[in-house]
Each structure stands twice: as C-alpha cells, then as structure tokens.
Amino acid sequence: MIFRHPLRSKAAATEQTPWEISVDVDIQLALALSRASVNALLALSPHAAAVVRDALAREVDALQAQNDPPSLAAASSVLDLLRKAA
C-alpha cells in the first residue's frame, strides 16, 4: 500500500516527485521489515508471541486514543496483522 495524501487530486497522484517516490520506498521497506520482525518474534516461542501481542495491543490502544485518521488506520493495520498471525 502506497500512502497518498488525501488532498491530492487523482491526476496529481499518478505523477510522483522523486522525493515522494523515495518516501514511498522508505515506508514500504520499513513496513516490510516490521512485518517480518513481528512474524519472526511470534514464531520464536509462545512466550515471545505473548510478549509481542501484549506490546502491540498497548500500541493499538495508544493509537486509538489519538483518534485521528492516520493513527486509527495504523491501529487497524496492527490489528489486522495480529489476526493474520493468530
């Protein structure tokens, strides 16, 4: 998923600047590394999985408490990751 600023028009969204492309690549790389790390920790042991789930649950609570669209979207993504890993 590539982040697009919600206020940009569809026409403008098709032509990214080099800066936007590098930010998208950085974000996608960070997300892939995060998912791989979480999945590895969840598979490591039952204790590690419980610790990771607890930590992610606290992060979800903190994100939901911010109650803004990016935070709620991030919280939803983390919950989706946890559901898929269960």
N, C-alpha and C. Protein backbone atom coordinates (compact mmCIF):
# COMPACT_ATOMS: atom_id res chain seq x y z
N MET A 1 0.85 -1.18 0.00
CA MET A 1 0.00 0.00 0.00
C MET A 1 0.89 1.23 0.00
N ILE A 2 0.68 2.10 -0.95
CA ILE A 2 1.45 3.34 -1.04
C ILE A 2 0.60 4.46 -0.48
N PHE A 3 1.17 5.21 0.46
CA PHE A 3 0.44 6.32 1.08
C PHE A 3 0.31 7.45 0.09
N ARG A 4 -0.88 7.93 -0.06
CA ARG A 4 -1.15 9.12 -0.89
C ARG A 4 -1.83 10.15 0.00
N HIS A 5 -1.39 11.36 -0.11
CA HIS A 5 -2.01 12.42 0.67
C HIS A 5 -3.46 12.55 0.23
N PRO A 6 -4.41 12.56 1.17
CA PRO A 6 -5.82 12.56 0.81
C PRO A 6 -6.28 13.80 0.06
N LEU A 7 -5.55 14.89 0.14
CA LEU A 7 -5.99 16.11 -0.52
C LEU A 7 -5.46 16.25 -1.94
N ARG A 8 -4.58 15.34 -2.35
CA ARG A 8 -4.06 15.43 -3.71
C ARG A 8 -5.10 14.88 -4.68
N SER A 9 -5.17 15.50 -5.85
CA SER A 9 -6.12 15.02 -6.85
C SER A 9 -5.61 13.70 -7.45
N LYS A 10 -6.52 12.96 -8.09
CA LYS A 10 -6.13 11.69 -8.70
C LYS A 10 -5.10 11.91 -9.80
N ALA A 11 -5.26 12.97 -10.57
CA ALA A 11 -4.30 13.25 -11.64
C ALA A 11 -2.92 13.51 -11.07
N ALA A 12 -2.86 14.29 -10.00
CA ALA A 12 -1.57 14.60 -9.40
C ALA A 12 -0.97 13.37 -8.73
N ALA A 13 -1.79 12.45 -8.25
CA ALA A 13 -1.31 11.27 -7.55
C ALA A 13 -0.57 10.31 -8.50
N THR A 14 -0.82 10.41 -9.79
CA THR A 14 -0.16 9.50 -10.73
C THR A 14 1.27 9.92 -11.03
N GLU A 15 1.60 11.18 -10.82
CA GLU A 15 2.95 11.67 -11.11
C GLU A 15 3.63 12.06 -9.81
N GLN A 16 4.41 11.14 -9.28
CA GLN A 16 5.10 11.42 -8.03
C GLN A 16 6.44 12.10 -8.31
N THR A 17 6.83 12.94 -7.39
CA THR A 17 8.15 13.56 -7.46
C THR A 17 9.18 12.54 -6.98
N PRO A 18 10.44 12.74 -7.30
CA PRO A 18 11.47 11.82 -6.79
C PRO A 18 11.46 11.72 -5.26
N TRP A 19 11.19 12.85 -4.59
CA TRP A 19 11.12 12.83 -3.13
C TRP A 19 9.99 11.92 -2.66
N GLU A 20 8.81 12.04 -3.28
CA GLU A 20 7.67 11.20 -2.90
C GLU A 20 7.96 9.73 -3.15
N ILE A 21 8.61 9.44 -4.24
CA ILE A 21 8.97 8.06 -4.56
C ILE A 21 9.91 7.50 -3.49
N SER A 22 10.91 8.28 -3.09
CA SER A 22 11.85 7.79 -2.08
C SER A 22 11.17 7.61 -0.73
N VAL A 23 10.23 8.49 -0.39
CA VAL A 23 9.48 8.33 0.86
C VAL A 23 8.62 7.07 0.79
N ASP A 24 7.96 6.84 -0.35
CA ASP A 24 7.15 5.63 -0.50
C ASP A 24 8.01 4.37 -0.36
N VAL A 25 9.20 4.38 -0.96
CA VAL A 25 10.09 3.23 -0.86
C VAL A 25 10.53 3.04 0.60
N ASP A 26 10.89 4.13 1.27
CA ASP A 26 11.29 4.04 2.68
C ASP A 26 10.16 3.48 3.54
N ILE A 27 8.95 3.95 3.32
CA ILE A 27 7.80 3.49 4.10
C ILE A 27 7.55 2.01 3.83
N GLN A 28 7.55 1.62 2.57
CA GLN A 28 7.30 0.22 2.22
C GLN A 28 8.38 -0.69 2.80
N LEU A 29 9.63 -0.25 2.76
CA LEU A 29 10.72 -1.04 3.34
C LEU A 29 10.55 -1.17 4.85
N ALA A 30 10.24 -0.07 5.52
CA ALA A 30 10.04 -0.11 6.97
C ALA A 30 8.89 -1.03 7.34
N LEU A 31 7.80 -0.97 6.58
CA LEU A 31 6.66 -1.84 6.85
C LEU A 31 7.01 -3.31 6.64
N ALA A 32 7.72 -3.60 5.57
CA ALA A 32 8.11 -4.99 5.29
C ALA A 32 9.02 -5.52 6.39
N LEU A 33 9.99 -4.72 6.81
CA LEU A 33 10.89 -5.15 7.88
C LEU A 33 10.16 -5.32 9.19
N SER A 34 9.23 -4.44 9.47
CA SER A 34 8.44 -4.55 10.70
C SER A 34 7.59 -5.81 10.70
N ARG A 35 6.92 -6.06 9.58
CA ARG A 35 6.09 -7.28 9.49
C ARG A 35 6.95 -8.53 9.65
N ALA A 36 8.10 -8.56 9.00
CA ALA A 36 8.98 -9.73 9.09
C ALA A 36 9.48 -9.92 10.52
N SER A 37 9.83 -8.82 11.18
CA SER A 37 10.32 -8.91 12.56
C SER A 37 9.23 -9.42 13.49
N VAL A 38 8.03 -8.88 13.36
CA VAL A 38 6.92 -9.31 14.21
C VAL A 38 6.61 -10.78 13.95
N ASN A 39 6.55 -11.17 12.69
CA ASN A 39 6.26 -12.57 12.37
C ASN A 39 7.33 -13.51 12.92
N ALA A 40 8.59 -13.10 12.84
CA ALA A 40 9.68 -13.92 13.39
C ALA A 40 9.56 -14.05 14.90
N LEU A 41 9.27 -12.95 15.57
CA LEU A 41 9.11 -12.99 17.02
C LEU A 41 7.91 -13.83 17.44
N LEU A 42 6.82 -13.73 16.70
CA LEU A 42 5.64 -14.52 17.01
C LEU A 42 5.91 -16.02 16.85
N ALA A 43 6.77 -16.36 15.89
CA ALA A 43 7.08 -17.77 15.65
C ALA A 43 8.18 -18.30 16.57
N LEU A 44 8.88 -17.42 17.25
CA LEU A 44 10.03 -17.81 18.06
C LEU A 44 9.65 -18.74 19.21
N SER A 45 8.67 -18.34 19.98
CA SER A 45 8.23 -19.16 21.11
C SER A 45 6.88 -18.65 21.59
N PRO A 46 6.16 -19.47 22.33
CA PRO A 46 4.88 -18.99 22.87
C PRO A 46 5.05 -17.77 23.77
N HIS A 47 6.13 -17.75 24.56
CA HIS A 47 6.36 -16.61 25.45
C HIS A 47 6.64 -15.34 24.63
N ALA A 48 7.49 -15.45 23.62
CA ALA A 48 7.80 -14.30 22.77
C ALA A 48 6.53 -13.81 22.08
N ALA A 49 5.71 -14.73 21.61
CA ALA A 49 4.47 -14.35 20.94
C ALA A 49 3.55 -13.58 21.89
N ALA A 50 3.46 -14.05 23.14
CA ALA A 50 2.60 -13.36 24.11
C ALA A 50 3.12 -11.97 24.41
N VAL A 51 4.43 -11.82 24.55
CA VAL A 51 5.03 -10.51 24.83
C VAL A 51 4.79 -9.55 23.66
N VAL A 52 4.98 -10.04 22.45
CA VAL A 52 4.78 -9.20 21.26
C VAL A 52 3.31 -8.80 21.15
N ARG A 53 2.40 -9.74 21.35
CA ARG A 53 0.97 -9.42 21.26
C ARG A 53 0.58 -8.38 22.32
N ASP A 54 1.10 -8.53 23.53
CA ASP A 54 0.80 -7.55 24.58
C ASP A 54 1.33 -6.16 24.21
N ALA A 55 2.55 -6.11 23.71
CA ALA A 55 3.14 -4.83 23.32
C ALA A 55 2.35 -4.18 22.18
N LEU A 56 1.97 -4.99 21.20
CA LEU A 56 1.19 -4.45 20.08
C LEU A 56 -0.19 -4.01 20.53
N ALA A 57 -0.78 -4.72 21.47
CA ALA A 57 -2.09 -4.31 21.99
C ALA A 57 -1.99 -2.94 22.67
N ARG A 58 -0.91 -2.71 23.41
CA ARG A 58 -0.71 -1.39 24.05
C ARG A 58 -0.53 -0.30 23.00
N GLU A 59 0.18 -0.62 21.92
CA GLU A 59 0.36 0.35 20.84
C GLU A 59 -0.96 0.66 20.16
N VAL A 60 -1.78 -0.37 19.95
CA VAL A 60 -3.10 -0.16 19.34
C VAL A 60 -3.93 0.76 20.23
N ASP A 61 -3.92 0.51 21.53
CA ASP A 61 -4.67 1.37 22.46
C ASP A 61 -4.20 2.82 22.37
N ALA A 62 -2.88 3.01 22.33
CA ALA A 62 -2.32 4.37 22.25
C ALA A 62 -2.70 5.05 20.94
N LEU A 63 -2.64 4.30 19.84
CA LEU A 63 -3.02 4.87 18.55
C LEU A 63 -4.50 5.22 18.51
N GLN A 64 -5.34 4.34 19.02
CA GLN A 64 -6.77 4.61 19.01
C GLN A 64 -7.12 5.79 19.90
N ALA A 65 -6.37 6.00 20.96
CA ALA A 65 -6.62 7.13 21.86
C ALA A 65 -6.36 8.46 21.17
N GLN A 66 -5.46 8.46 20.18
CA GLN A 66 -5.17 9.70 19.45
C GLN A 66 -6.35 10.11 18.58
N ASN A 67 -7.12 9.13 18.13
CA ASN A 67 -8.38 9.37 17.43
C ASN A 67 -8.27 10.28 16.21
N ASP A 68 -7.18 10.14 15.46
CA ASP A 68 -7.07 10.85 14.19
C ASP A 68 -6.96 9.81 13.08
N PRO A 69 -7.31 10.16 11.85
CA PRO A 69 -7.35 9.16 10.77
C PRO A 69 -6.06 8.36 10.58
N PRO A 70 -4.87 8.98 10.55
CA PRO A 70 -3.66 8.16 10.38
C PRO A 70 -3.44 7.18 11.53
N SER A 71 -3.69 7.62 12.77
CA SER A 71 -3.50 6.74 13.92
C SER A 71 -4.50 5.60 13.91
N LEU A 72 -5.75 5.89 13.57
CA LEU A 72 -6.76 4.84 13.50
C LEU A 72 -6.46 3.85 12.39
N ALA A 73 -5.94 4.34 11.27
CA ALA A 73 -5.56 3.44 10.18
C ALA A 73 -4.39 2.55 10.60
N ALA A 74 -3.43 3.12 11.31
CA ALA A 74 -2.29 2.33 11.80
C ALA A 74 -2.76 1.28 12.79
N ALA A 75 -3.65 1.66 13.68
CA ALA A 75 -4.18 0.71 14.66
C ALA A 75 -4.91 -0.43 13.96
N SER A 76 -5.68 -0.11 12.94
CA SER A 76 -6.39 -1.13 12.18
C SER A 76 -5.41 -2.08 11.50
N SER A 77 -4.33 -1.55 10.97
CA SER A 77 -3.32 -2.39 10.31
C SER A 77 -2.65 -3.33 11.30
N VAL A 78 -2.35 -2.83 12.49
CA VAL A 78 -1.73 -3.68 13.52
C VAL A 78 -2.71 -4.78 13.93
N LEU A 79 -3.96 -4.43 14.13
CA LEU A 79 -4.96 -5.44 14.49
C LEU A 79 -5.09 -6.49 13.39
N ASP A 80 -5.03 -6.07 12.13
CA ASP A 80 -5.10 -7.00 11.01
C ASP A 80 -3.90 -7.94 11.03
N LEU A 81 -2.73 -7.39 11.30
CA LEU A 81 -1.51 -8.20 11.38
C LEU A 81 -1.65 -9.25 12.48
N LEU A 82 -2.18 -8.84 13.63
CA LEU A 82 -2.35 -9.78 14.74
C LEU A 82 -3.37 -10.87 14.40
N ARG A 83 -4.45 -10.50 13.72
CA ARG A 83 -5.45 -11.50 13.33
C ARG A 83 -4.84 -12.53 12.37
N LYS A 84 -4.07 -12.06 11.41
CA LYS A 84 -3.45 -12.95 10.44
C LYS A 84 -2.42 -13.87 11.08
N ALA A 85 -1.74 -13.36 12.11
CA ALA A 85 -0.69 -14.14 12.76
C ALA A 85 -1.25 -15.15 13.76
N ALA A 86 -2.51 -14.97 14.14
CA ALA A 86 -3.11 -15.84 15.18
C ALA A 86 -3.36 -17.24 14.65
